Amino acid sequence: PPSLPQTTGPLFEHQPFIVSWNIPDLVCNRNNISLDTSPFKGV
């Protein structure tokens, strides 16, 4: 493989790949339906 350029470090230490949540929850909250977003970094 070709040599890779250096890259910016992660936003969260020791977490090179994160998944963030950007989904509307207003209607779900009104209906008292809980959404488990615990594995997401940044909700």
PDB file of all heavy atoms in Angstrom:
ATOM      1  N   PRO A   1       0.832  -1.209   0.000  1.00  0.00           N
ATOM      2  CA  PRO A   1       0.000   0.000   0.000  1.00  0.00           C
ATOM      3  C   PRO A   1       0.858   1.246   0.000  1.00  0.00           C
ATOM      4  O   PRO A   1       1.966   1.255   0.552  1.00  0.00           O
ATOM      5  CB  PRO A   1      -0.789  -0.131   1.311  1.00  0.00           C
ATOM      6  CG  PRO A   1       0.079  -0.970   2.194  1.00  0.00           C
ATOM      7  CD  PRO A   1       0.770  -1.932   1.275  1.00  0.00           C
ATOM      8  N   PRO A   2       0.381   2.320  -0.621  1.00  0.00           N
ATOM      9  CA  PRO A   2       1.144   3.571  -0.591  1.00  0.00           C
ATOM     10  C   PRO A   2       1.183   4.125   0.821  1.00  0.00           C
ATOM     11  O   PRO A   2       0.298   3.862   1.632  1.00  0.00           O
ATOM     12  CB  PRO A   2       0.337   4.481  -1.523  1.00  0.00           C
ATOM     13  CG  PRO A   2      -1.051   3.919  -1.507  1.00  0.00           C
ATOM     14  CD  PRO A   2      -0.893   2.445  -1.336  1.00  0.00           C
ATOM     15  N   SER A   3       2.237   4.859   1.119  1.00  0.00           N
ATOM     16  CA  SER A   3       2.342   5.445   2.450  1.00  0.00           C
ATOM     17  C   SER A   3       1.217   6.452   2.643  1.00  0.00           C
ATOM     18  O   SER A   3       0.892   7.226   1.743  1.00  0.00           O
ATOM     19  CB  SER A   3       3.702   6.122   2.631  1.00  0.00           C
ATOM     20  OG  SER A   3       3.867   7.131   1.658  1.00  0.00           O
ATOM     21  N   LEU A   4       0.628   6.425   3.806  1.00  0.00           N
ATOM     22  CA  LEU A   4      -0.521   7.279   4.090  1.00  0.00           C
ATOM     23  C   LEU A   4      -0.059   8.564   4.772  1.00  0.00           C
ATOM     24  O   LEU A   4       0.815   8.528   5.642  1.00  0.00           O
ATOM     25  CB  LEU A   4      -1.515   6.538   4.987  1.00  0.00           C
ATOM     26  CG  LEU A   4      -2.144   5.282   4.384  1.00  0.00           C
ATOM     27  CD1 LEU A   4      -2.921   4.518   5.446  1.00  0.00           C
ATOM     28  CD2 LEU A   4      -3.062   5.638   3.223  1.00  0.00           C
ATOM     29  N   PRO A   5      -0.650   9.692   4.413  1.00  0.00           N
ATOM     30  CA  PRO A   5      -0.296  10.936   5.101  1.00  0.00           C
ATOM     31  C   PRO A   5      -0.794  10.914   6.531  1.00  0.00           C
ATOM     32  O   PRO A   5      -1.755  10.209   6.856  1.00  0.00           O
ATOM     33  CB  PRO A   5      -1.029  12.003   4.279  1.00  0.00           C
ATOM     34  CG  PRO A   5      -2.213  11.282   3.700  1.00  0.00           C
ATOM     35  CD  PRO A   5      -1.719   9.886   3.413  1.00  0.00           C
ATOM     36  N   GLN A   6      -0.132  11.661   7.396  1.00  0.00           N
ATOM     37  CA  GLN A   6      -0.616  11.745   8.767  1.00  0.00           C
ATOM     38  C   GLN A   6      -1.972  12.451   8.778  1.00  0.00           C
ATOM     39  O   GLN A   6      -2.289  13.237   7.888  1.00  0.00           O
ATOM     40  CB  GLN A   6       0.383  12.494   9.638  1.00  0.00           C
ATOM     41  CG  GLN A   6       1.672  11.723   9.877  1.00  0.00           C
ATOM     42  CD  GLN A   6       2.460  12.277  11.045  1.00  0.00           C
ATOM     43  OE1 GLN A   6       2.392  13.460  11.364  1.00  0.00           O
ATOM     44  NE2 GLN A   6       3.218  11.421  11.708  1.00  0.00           N
ATOM     45  N   THR A   7      -2.769  12.151   9.800  1.00  0.00           N
ATOM     46  CA  THR A   7      -4.119  12.694   9.857  1.00  0.00           C
ATOM     47  C   THR A   7      -4.408  13.285  11.229  1.00  0.00           C
ATOM     48  O   THR A   7      -3.702  13.001  12.208  1.00  0.00           O
ATOM     49  CB  THR A   7      -5.151  11.591   9.530  1.00  0.00           C
ATOM     50  OG1 THR A   7      -6.459  12.174   9.399  1.00  0.00           O
ATOM     51  CG2 THR A   7      -5.190  10.520  10.618  1.00  0.00           C
ATOM     52  N   THR A   8      -5.426  14.102  11.298  1.00  0.00           N
ATOM     53  CA  THR A   8      -5.851  14.697  12.570  1.00  0.00           C
ATOM     54  C   THR A   8      -6.259  13.609  13.557  1.00  0.00           C
ATOM     55  O   THR A   8      -6.923  12.640  13.186  1.00  0.00           O
ATOM     56  CB  THR A   8      -7.038  15.651  12.332  1.00  0.00           C
ATOM     57  OG1 THR A   8      -6.653  16.644  11.386  1.00  0.00           O
ATOM     58  CG2 THR A   8      -7.474  16.316  13.626  1.00  0.00           C
ATOM     59  N   GLY A   9      -5.863  13.760  14.796  1.00  0.00           N
ATOM     60  CA  GLY A   9      -6.208  12.779  15.818  1.00  0.00           C
ATOM     61  C   GLY A   9      -7.698  12.756  16.101  1.00  0.00           C
ATOM     62  O   GLY A   9      -8.446  13.662  15.707  1.00  0.00           O
ATOM     63  N   PRO A  10      -8.180  11.714  16.797  1.00  0.00           N
ATOM     64  CA  PRO A  10      -9.615  11.558  17.038  1.00  0.00           C
ATOM     65  C   PRO A  10     -10.162  12.593  18.021  1.00  0.00           C
ATOM     66  O   PRO A  10      -9.427  13.118  18.863  1.00  0.00           O
ATOM     67  CB  PRO A  10      -9.722  10.143  17.614  1.00  0.00           C
ATOM     68  CG  PRO A  10      -8.388   9.895  18.249  1.00  0.00           C
ATOM     69  CD  PRO A  10      -7.384  10.626  17.395  1.00  0.00           C
ATOM     70  N   LEU A  11     -11.458  12.877  17.890  1.00  0.00           N
ATOM     71  CA  LEU A  11     -12.113  13.798  18.821  1.00  0.00           C
ATOM     72  C   LEU A  11     -12.128  13.239  20.233  1.00  0.00           C
ATOM     73  O   LEU A  11     -12.032  13.974  21.212  1.00  0.00           O
ATOM     74  CB  LEU A  11     -13.560  14.054  18.364  1.00  0.00           C
ATOM     75  CG  LEU A  11     -13.793  15.208  17.394  1.00  0.00           C
ATOM     76  CD1 LEU A  11     -15.244  15.200  16.920  1.00  0.00           C
ATOM     77  CD2 LEU A  11     -13.458  16.539  18.029  1.00  0.00           C
ATOM     78  N   PHE A  12     -12.252  11.917  20.334  1.00  0.00           N
ATOM     79  CA  PHE A  12     -12.298  11.247  21.635  1.00  0.00           C
ATOM     80  C   PHE A  12     -11.108  10.299  21.730  1.00  0.00           C
ATOM     81  O   PHE A  12     -10.879   9.486  20.839  1.00  0.00           O
ATOM     82  CB  PHE A  12     -13.612  10.481  21.808  1.00  0.00           C
ATOM     83  CG  PHE A  12     -14.831  11.357  21.748  1.00  0.00           C
ATOM     84  CD1 PHE A  12     -15.509  11.539  20.542  1.00  0.00           C
ATOM     85  CD2 PHE A  12     -15.306  12.004  22.880  1.00  0.00           C
ATOM     86  CE1 PHE A  12     -16.628  12.350  20.473  1.00  0.00           C
ATOM     87  CE2 PHE A  12     -16.422  12.816  22.815  1.00  0.00           C
ATOM     88  CZ  PHE A  12     -17.089  12.996  21.611  1.00  0.00           C
ATOM     89  N   GLU A  13     -10.389  10.394  22.817  1.00  0.00           N
ATOM     90  CA  GLU A  13      -9.162   9.616  22.987  1.00  0.00           C
ATOM     91  C   GLU A  13      -9.422   8.120  22.851  1.00  0.00           C
ATOM     92  O   GLU A  13     -10.402   7.588  23.390  1.00  0.00           O
ATOM     93  CB  GLU A  13      -8.555   9.915  24.363  1.00  0.00           C
ATOM     94  CG  GLU A  13      -7.172   9.328  24.567  1.00  0.00           C
ATOM     95  CD  GLU A  13      -6.603   9.682  25.928  1.00  0.00           C
ATOM     96  OE1 GLU A  13      -7.327  10.302  26.732  1.00  0.00           O
ATOM     97  OE2 GLU A  13      -5.435   9.342  26.178  1.00  0.00           O
ATOM     98  N   HIS A  14      -8.545   7.427  22.121  1.00  0.00           N
ATOM     99  CA  HIS A  14      -8.600   5.984  21.911  1.00  0.00           C
ATOM    100  C   HIS A  14      -9.837   5.535  21.144  1.00  0.00           C
ATOM    101  O   HIS A  14     -10.212   4.374  21.182  1.00  0.00           O
ATOM    102  CB  HIS A  14      -8.542   5.216  23.249  1.00  0.00           C
ATOM    103  CG  HIS A  14      -7.329   5.506  24.065  1.00  0.00           C
ATOM    104  ND1 HIS A  14      -6.047   5.428  23.561  1.00  0.00           N
ATOM    105  CD2 HIS A  14      -7.198   5.898  25.367  1.00  0.00           C
ATOM    106  CE1 HIS A  14      -5.177   5.748  24.510  1.00  0.00           C
ATOM    107  NE2 HIS A  14      -5.843   6.055  25.610  1.00  0.00           N
ATOM    108  N   GLN A  15     -10.483   6.451  20.421  1.00  0.00           N
ATOM    109  CA  GLN A  15     -11.669   6.081  19.639  1.00  0.00           C
ATOM    110  C   GLN A  15     -11.502   6.581  18.207  1.00  0.00           C
ATOM    111  O   GLN A  15     -11.979   7.655  17.856  1.00  0.00           O
ATOM    112  CB  GLN A  15     -12.929   6.637  20.298  1.00  0.00           C
ATOM    113  CG  GLN A  15     -13.141   6.050  21.695  1.00  0.00           C
ATOM    114  CD  GLN A  15     -14.480   6.415  22.288  1.00  0.00           C
ATOM    115  OE1 GLN A  15     -15.490   6.470  21.606  1.00  0.00           O
ATOM    116  NE2 GLN A  15     -14.474   6.664  23.583  1.00  0.00           N
ATOM    117  N   PRO A  16     -10.814   5.781  17.380  1.00  0.00           N
ATOM    118  CA  PRO A  16     -10.502   6.217  16.015  1.00  0.00           C
ATOM    119  C   PRO A  16     -11.696   6.309  15.099  1.00  0.00           C
ATOM    120  O   PRO A  16     -11.652   7.005  14.077  1.00  0.00           O
ATOM    121  CB  PRO A  16      -9.521   5.141  15.528  1.00  0.00           C
ATOM    122  CG  PRO A  16      -9.834   3.944  16.364  1.00  0.00           C
ATOM    123  CD  PRO A  16     -10.236   4.467  17.707  1.00  0.00           C
ATOM    124  N   PHE A  17     -12.785   5.611  15.434  1.00  0.00           N
ATOM    125  CA  PHE A  17     -13.993   5.667  14.611  1.00  0.00           C
ATOM    126  C   PHE A  17     -15.195   5.806  15.536  1.00  0.00           C
ATOM    127  O   PHE A  17     -15.394   4.984  16.436  1.00  0.00           O
ATOM    128  CB  PHE A  17     -14.137   4.416  13.746  1.00  0.00           C
ATOM    129  CG  PHE A  17     -15.316   4.451  12.815  1.00  0.00           C
ATOM    130  CD1 PHE A  17     -15.236   5.093  11.579  1.00  0.00           C
ATOM    131  CD2 PHE A  17     -16.527   3.850  13.163  1.00  0.00           C
ATOM    132  CE1 PHE A  17     -16.318   5.138  10.717  1.00  0.00           C
ATOM    133  CE2 PHE A  17     -17.613   3.894  12.312  1.00  0.00           C
ATOM    134  CZ  PHE A  17     -17.513   4.538  11.088  1.00  0.00           C
ATOM    135  N   ILE A  18     -15.981   6.862  15.318  1.00  0.00           N
ATOM    136  CA  ILE A  18     -17.167   7.085  16.146  1.00  0.00           C
ATOM    137  C   ILE A  18     -18.401   7.201  15.259  1.00  0.00           C
ATOM    138  O   ILE A  18     -18.310   7.475  14.064  1.00  0.00           O
ATOM    139  CB  ILE A  18     -17.033   8.359  17.009  1.00  0.00           C
ATOM    140  CG1 ILE A  18     -16.940   9.610  16.109  1.00  0.00           C
ATOM    141  CG2 ILE A  18     -15.848   8.263  17.952  1.00  0.00           C
ATOM    142  CD1 ILE A  18     -17.017  10.927  16.864  1.00  0.00           C
ATOM    143  N   VAL A  19     -19.553   6.985  15.862  1.00  0.00           N
ATOM    144  CA  VAL A  19     -20.824   7.193  15.179  1.00  0.00           C
ATOM    145  C   VAL A  19     -21.632   8.194  15.985  1.00  0.00           C
ATOM    146  O   VAL A  19     -21.822   8.022  17.193  1.00  0.00           O
ATOM    147  CB  VAL A  19     -21.607   5.874  15.019  1.00  0.00           C
ATOM    148  CG1 VAL A  19     -22.908   6.121  14.243  1.00  0.00           C
ATOM    149  CG2 VAL A  19     -20.755   4.824  14.296  1.00  0.00           C
ATOM    150  N   SER A  20     -22.063   9.264  15.319  1.00  0.00           N
ATOM    151  CA  SER A  20     -22.832  10.323  15.984  1.00  0.00           C
ATOM    152  C   SER A  20     -24.293  10.272  15.562  1.00  0.00           C
ATOM    153  O   SER A  20     -24.616   9.843  14.449  1.00  0.00           O
ATOM    154  CB  SER A  20     -22.250  11.699  15.656  1.00  0.00           C
ATOM    155  OG  SER A  20     -20.939  11.814  16.154  1.00  0.00           O
ATOM    156  N   TRP A  21     -25.142  10.739  16.439  1.00  0.00           N
ATOM    157  CA  TRP A  21     -26.592  10.695  16.261  1.00  0.00           C
ATOM    158  C   TRP A  21     -27.093  12.089  15.891  1.00  0.00           C
ATOM    159  O   TRP A  21     -26.822  13.061  16.584  1.00  0.00           O
ATOM    160  CB  TRP A  21     -27.235  10.221  17.562  1.00  0.00           C
ATOM    161  CG  TRP A  21     -28.732  10.248  17.624  1.00  0.00           C
ATOM    162  CD1 TRP A  21     -29.523  11.295  17.963  1.00  0.00           C
ATOM    163  CD2 TRP A  21     -29.616   9.147  17.381  1.00  0.00           C
ATOM    164  NE1 TRP A  21     -30.846  10.932  17.947  1.00  0.00           N
ATOM    165  CE2 TRP A  21     -30.943   9.611  17.592  1.00  0.00           C
ATOM    166  CE3 TRP A  21     -29.433   7.824  17.013  1.00  0.00           C
ATOM    167  CZ2 TRP A  21     -32.059   8.789  17.437  1.00  0.00           C
ATOM    168  CZ3 TRP A  21     -30.545   7.007  16.864  1.00  0.00           C
ATOM    169  CH2 TRP A  21     -31.840   7.497  17.075  1.00  0.00           C
ATOM    170  N   ASN A  22     -27.824  12.189  14.781  1.00  0.00           N
ATOM    171  CA  ASN A  22     -28.376  13.476  14.353  1.00  0.00           C
ATOM    172  C   ASN A  22     -29.792  13.254  13.813  1.00  0.00           C
ATOM    173  O   ASN A  22     -30.089  13.528  12.654  1.00  0.00           O
ATOM    174  CB  ASN A  22     -27.475  14.104  13.291  1.00  0.00           C
ATOM    175  CG  ASN A  22     -27.754  15.570  13.044  1.00  0.00           C
ATOM    176  OD1 ASN A  22     -27.576  16.076  11.948  1.00  0.00           O
ATOM    177  ND2 ASN A  22     -28.234  16.272  14.073  1.00  0.00           N
ATOM    178  N   ILE A  23     -30.642  12.734  14.684  1.00  0.00           N
ATOM    179  CA  ILE A  23     -31.996  12.321  14.300  1.00  0.00           C
ATOM    180  C   ILE A  23     -33.014  13.035  15.196  1.00  0.00           C
ATOM    181  O   ILE A  23     -32.815  13.112  16.417  1.00  0.00           O
ATOM    182  CB  ILE A  23     -32.149  10.791  14.412  1.00  0.00           C
ATOM    183  CG1 ILE A  23     -31.275  10.107  13.343  1.00  0.00           C
ATOM    184  CG2 ILE A  23     -33.600  10.347  14.274  1.00  0.00           C
ATOM    185  CD1 ILE A  23     -31.278   8.595  13.410  1.00  0.00           C
ATOM    186  N   PRO A  24     -34.102  13.572  14.622  1.00  0.00           N
ATOM    187  CA  PRO A  24     -35.110  14.257  15.441  1.00  0.00           C
ATOM    188  C   PRO A  24     -35.822  13.290  16.381  1.00  0.00           C
ATOM    189  O   PRO A  24     -36.127  12.153  16.003  1.00  0.00           O
ATOM    190  CB  PRO A  24     -36.077  14.843  14.403  1.00  0.00           C
ATOM    191  CG  PRO A  24     -35.895  14.000  13.186  1.00  0.00           C
ATOM    192  CD  PRO A  24     -34.462  13.571  13.186  1.00  0.00           C
ATOM    193  N   ASP A  25     -36.072  13.747  17.598  1.00  0.00           N
ATOM    194  CA  ASP A  25     -36.701  12.871  18.595  1.00  0.00           C
ATOM    195  C   ASP A  25     -37.954  13.478  19.220  1.00  0.00           C
ATOM    196  O   ASP A  25     -38.503  12.928  20.175  1.00  0.00           O
ATOM    197  CB  ASP A  25     -35.701  12.530  19.692  1.00  0.00           C
ATOM    198  CG  ASP A  25     -35.129  13.771  20.375  1.00  0.00           C
ATOM    199  OD1 ASP A  25     -35.585  14.891  20.075  1.00  0.00           O
ATOM    200  OD2 ASP A  25     -34.218  13.614  21.213  1.00  0.00           O
ATOM    201  N   LEU A  26     -38.407  14.619  18.690  1.00  0.00           N
ATOM    202  CA  LEU A  26     -39.521  15.329  19.308  1.00  0.00           C
ATOM    203  C   LEU A  26     -40.784  14.478  19.371  1.00  0.00           C
ATOM    204  O   LEU A  26     -41.413  14.343  20.423  1.00  0.00           O
ATOM    205  CB  LEU A  26     -39.800  16.625  18.539  1.00  0.00           C
ATOM    206  CG  LEU A  26     -40.924  17.515  19.091  1.00  0.00           C
ATOM    207  CD1 LEU A  26     -40.584  17.979  20.502  1.00  0.00           C
ATOM    208  CD2 LEU A  26     -41.165  18.709  18.174  1.00  0.00           C
ATOM    209  N   VAL A  27     -41.164  13.873  18.253  1.00  0.00           N
ATOM    210  CA  VAL A  27     -42.388  13.068  18.207  1.00  0.00           C
ATOM    211  C   VAL A  27     -42.251  11.830  19.089  1.00  0.00           C
ATOM    212  O   VAL A  27     -43.199  11.445  19.793  1.00  0.00           O
ATOM    213  CB  VAL A  27     -42.722  12.669  16.756  1.00  0.00           C
ATOM    214  CG1 VAL A  27     -43.917  11.725  16.708  1.00  0.00           C
ATOM    215  CG2 VAL A  27     -43.007  13.914  15.910  1.00  0.00           C
ATOM    216  N   CYS A  28     -41.074  11.224  19.084  1.00  0.00           N
ATOM    217  CA  CYS A  28     -40.855  10.035  19.910  1.00  0.00           C
ATOM    218  C   CYS A  28     -40.967  10.381  21.393  1.00  0.00           C
ATOM    219  O   CYS A  28     -41.558   9.624  22.176  1.00  0.00           O
ATOM    220  CB  CYS A  28     -39.490   9.428  19.590  1.00  0.00           C
ATOM    221  SG  CYS A  28     -39.288   8.902  17.864  1.00  0.00           S
ATOM    222  N   ASN A  29     -40.418  11.531  21.783  1.00  0.00           N
ATOM    223  CA  ASN A  29     -40.527  11.957  23.177  1.00  0.00           C
ATOM    224  C   ASN A  29     -41.977  12.228  23.565  1.00  0.00           C
ATOM    225  O   ASN A  29     -42.407  11.889  24.677  1.00  0.00           O
ATOM    226  CB  ASN A  29     -39.690  13.215  23.401  1.00  0.00           C
ATOM    227  CG  ASN A  29     -38.195  12.926  23.362  1.00  0.00           C
ATOM    228  OD1 ASN A  29     -37.766  11.793  23.585  1.00  0.00           O
ATOM    229  ND2 ASN A  29     -37.398  13.950  23.087  1.00  0.00           N
ATOM    230  N   ARG A  30     -42.722  12.841  22.663  1.00  0.00           N
ATOM    231  CA  ARG A  30     -44.138  13.118  22.944  1.00  0.00           C
ATOM    232  C   ARG A  30     -44.923  11.835  23.165  1.00  0.00           C
ATOM    233  O   ARG A  30     -45.885  11.816  23.928  1.00  0.00           O
ATOM    234  CB  ARG A  30     -44.748  13.905  21.787  1.00  0.00           C
ATOM    235  CG  ARG A  30     -44.349  15.374  21.752  1.00  0.00           C
ATOM    236  CD  ARG A  30     -44.933  16.046  20.525  1.00  0.00           C
ATOM    237  NE  ARG A  30     -44.588  17.466  20.448  1.00  0.00           N
ATOM    238  CZ  ARG A  30     -44.825  18.235  19.395  1.00  0.00           C
ATOM    239  NH1 ARG A  30     -45.415  17.703  18.315  1.00  0.00           N
ATOM    240  NH2 ARG A  30     -44.487  19.513  19.402  1.00  0.00           N
ATOM    241  N   ASN A  31     -44.506  10.775  22.480  1.00  0.00           N
ATOM    242  CA  ASN A  31     -45.195   9.494  22.615  1.00  0.00           C
ATOM    243  C   ASN A  31     -44.564   8.599  23.682  1.00  0.00           C
ATOM    244  O   ASN A  31     -44.899   7.423  23.777  1.00  0.00           O
ATOM    245  CB  ASN A  31     -45.193   8.761  21.272  1.00  0.00           C
ATOM    246  CG  ASN A  31     -46.193   9.331  20.286  1.00  0.00           C
ATOM    247  OD1 ASN A  31     -47.384   9.015  20.306  1.00  0.00           O
ATOM    248  ND2 ASN A  31     -45.707  10.195  19.397  1.00  0.00           N
ATOM    249  N   ASN A  32     -43.643   9.188  24.466  1.00  0.00           N
ATOM    250  CA  ASN A  32     -42.972   8.455  25.546  1.00  0.00           C
ATOM    251  C   ASN A  32     -42.291   7.184  25.048  1.00  0.00           C
ATOM    252  O   ASN A  32     -42.323   6.135  25.715  1.00  0.00           O
ATOM    253  CB  ASN A  32     -43.974   8.110  26.660  1.00  0.00           C
ATOM    254  CG  ASN A  32     -44.485   9.352  27.357  1.00  0.00           C
ATOM    255  OD1 ASN A  32     -43.724  10.267  27.649  1.00  0.00           O
ATOM    256  ND2 ASN A  32     -45.793   9.390  27.617  1.00  0.00           N
ATOM    257  N   ILE A  33     -41.700   7.272  23.873  1.00  0.00           N
ATOM    258  CA  ILE A  33     -40.967   6.139  23.307  1.00  0.00           C
ATOM    259  C   ILE A  33     -39.480   6.430  23.450  1.00  0.00           C
ATOM    260  O   ILE A  33     -38.960   7.396  22.875  1.00  0.00           O
ATOM    261  CB  ILE A  33     -41.335   5.918  21.832  1.00  0.00           C
ATOM    262  CG1 ILE A  33     -42.819   5.546  21.722  1.00  0.00           C
ATOM    263  CG2 ILE A  33     -40.467   4.826  21.204  1.00  0.00           C
ATOM    264  CD1 ILE A  33     -43.328   5.463  20.304  1.00  0.00           C
ATOM    265  N   SER A  34     -38.804   5.622  24.235  1.00  0.00           N
ATOM    266  CA  SER A  34     -37.388   5.867  24.511  1.00  0.00           C
ATOM    267  C   SER A  34     -36.524   5.365  23.358  1.00  0.00           C
ATOM    268  O   SER A  34     -36.827   4.345  22.728  1.00  0.00           O
ATOM    269  CB  SER A  34     -36.972   5.170  25.811  1.00  0.00           C
ATOM    270  OG  SER A  34     -37.136   3.761  25.687  1.00  0.00           O
ATOM    271  N   LEU A  35     -35.464   6.111  23.084  1.00  0.00           N
ATOM    272  CA  LEU A  35     -34.504   5.749  22.043  1.00  0.00           C
ATOM    273  C   LEU A  35     -33.140   5.582  22.706  1.00  0.00           C
ATOM    274  O   LEU A  35     -32.598   6.533  23.250  1.00  0.00           O
ATOM    275  CB  LEU A  35     -34.448   6.833  20.966  1.00  0.00           C
ATOM    276  CG  LEU A  35     -35.767   7.162  20.252  1.00  0.00           C
ATOM    277  CD1 LEU A  35     -35.586   8.347  19.312  1.00  0.00           C
ATOM    278  CD2 LEU A  35     -36.296   5.948  19.488  1.00  0.00           C
ATOM    279  N   ASP A  36     -32.610   4.370  22.674  1.00  0.00           N
ATOM    280  CA  ASP A  36     -31.336   4.078  23.320  1.00  0.00           C
ATOM    281  C   ASP A  36     -30.192   4.511  22.411  1.00  0.00           C
ATOM    282  O   ASP A  36     -29.894   3.854  21.408  1.00  0.00           O
ATOM    283  CB  ASP A  36     -31.240   2.581  23.616  1.00  0.00           C
ATOM    284  CG  ASP A  36     -29.943   2.216  24.326  1.00  0.00           C
ATOM    285  OD1 ASP A  36     -29.146   3.130  24.637  1.00  0.00           O
ATOM    286  OD2 ASP A  36     -29.718   1.017  24.583  1.00  0.00           O
ATOM    287  N   THR A  37     -29.547   5.610  22.744  1.00  0.00           N
ATOM    288  CA  THR A  37     -28.442   6.127  21.938  1.00  0.00           C
ATOM    289  C   THR A  37     -27.096   5.969  22.660  1.00  0.00           C
ATOM    290  O   THR A  37     -26.139   6.673  22.343  1.00  0.00           O
ATOM    291  CB  THR A  37     -28.670   7.617  21.612  1.00  0.00           C
ATOM    292  OG1 THR A  37     -28.811   8.360  22.831  1.00  0.00           O
ATOM    293  CG2 THR A  37     -29.928   7.800  20.771  1.00  0.00           C
ATOM    294  N   SER A  38     -27.014   5.044  23.588  1.00  0.00           N
ATOM    295  CA  SER A  38     -25.802   4.904  24.403  1.00  0.00           C
ATOM    296  C   SER A  38     -24.534   4.582  23.613  1.00  0.00           C
ATOM    297  O   SER A  38     -23.449   5.009  24.022  1.00  0.00           O
ATOM    298  CB  SER A  38     -26.027   3.848  25.497  1.00  0.00           C
ATOM    299  OG  SER A  38     -26.415   2.603  24.938  1.00  0.00           O
ATOM    300  N   PRO A  39     -24.584   3.852  22.476  1.00  0.00           N
ATOM    301  CA  PRO A  39     -23.327   3.587  21.760  1.00  0.00           C
ATOM    302  C   PRO A  39     -22.828   4.764  20.920  1.00  0.00           C
ATOM    303  O   PRO A  39     -21.721   4.712  20.399  1.00  0.00           O
ATOM    304  CB  PRO A  39     -23.676   2.403  20.835  1.00  0.00           C
ATOM    305  CG  PRO A  39     -24.990   1.889  21.297  1.00  0.00           C
ATOM    306  CD  PRO A  39     -25.687   3.052  21.904  1.00  0.00           C
ATOM    307  N   PHE A  40     -23.624   5.808  20.797  1.00  0.00           N
ATOM    308  CA  PHE A  40     -23.259   6.940  19.948  1.00  0.00           C
ATOM    309  C   PHE A  40     -22.377   7.922  20.712  1.00  0.00           C
ATOM    310  O   PHE A  40     -22.595   8.178  21.892  1.00  0.00           O
ATOM    311  CB  PHE A  40     -24.509   7.669  19.457  1.00  0.00           C
ATOM    312  CG  PHE A  40     -25.346   6.873  18.496  1.00  0.00           C
ATOM    313  CD1 PHE A  40     -26.250   5.930  18.955  1.00  0.00           C
ATOM    314  CD2 PHE A  40     -25.240   7.065  17.121  1.00  0.00           C
ATOM    315  CE1 PHE A  40     -27.020   5.189  18.069  1.00  0.00           C
ATOM    316  CE2 PHE A  40     -26.003   6.338  16.241  1.00  0.00           C
ATOM    317  CZ  PHE A  40     -26.896   5.398  16.710  1.00  0.00           C
ATOM    318  N   LYS A  41     -21.399   8.482  20.009  1.00  0.00           N
ATOM    319  CA  LYS A  41     -20.571   9.541  20.580  1.00  0.00           C
ATOM    320  C   LYS A  41     -21.055  10.857  19.980  1.00  0.00           C
ATOM    321  O   LYS A  41     -20.779  11.182  18.834  1.00  0.00           O
ATOM    322  CB  LYS A  41     -19.097   9.321  20.238  1.00  0.00           C
ATOM    323  CG  LYS A  41     -18.496   8.097  20.883  1.00  0.00           C
ATOM    324  CD  LYS A  41     -18.528   8.153  22.390  1.00  0.00           C
ATOM    325  CE  LYS A  41     -17.633   9.220  22.955  1.00  0.00           C
ATOM    326  NZ  LYS A  41     -17.597   9.188  24.441  1.00  0.00           N
ATOM    327  N   GLY A  42     -21.782  11.616  20.770  1.00  0.00           N
ATOM    328  CA  GLY A  42     -22.358  12.861  20.291  1.00  0.00           C
ATOM    329  C   GLY A  42     -23.784  12.641  19.840  1.00  0.00           C
ATOM    330  O   GLY A  42     -24.034  12.086  18.780  1.00  0.00           O
ATOM    331  N   VAL A  43     -24.715  13.049  20.669  1.00  0.00           N
ATOM    332  CA  VAL A  43     -26.139  12.901  20.359  1.00  0.00           C
ATOM    333  C   VAL A  43     -26.722  14.295  20.152  1.00  0.00           C
ATOM    334  O   VAL A  43     -26.670  15.150  21.038  1.00  0.00           O
ATOM    335  CB  VAL A  43     -26.882  12.169  21.492  1.00  0.00           C
ATOM    336  CG1 VAL A  43     -28.372  12.096  21.200  1.00  0.00           C
ATOM    337  CG2 VAL A  43     -26.307  10.768  21.674  1.00  0.00           C
TER     338      VAL A  43
END
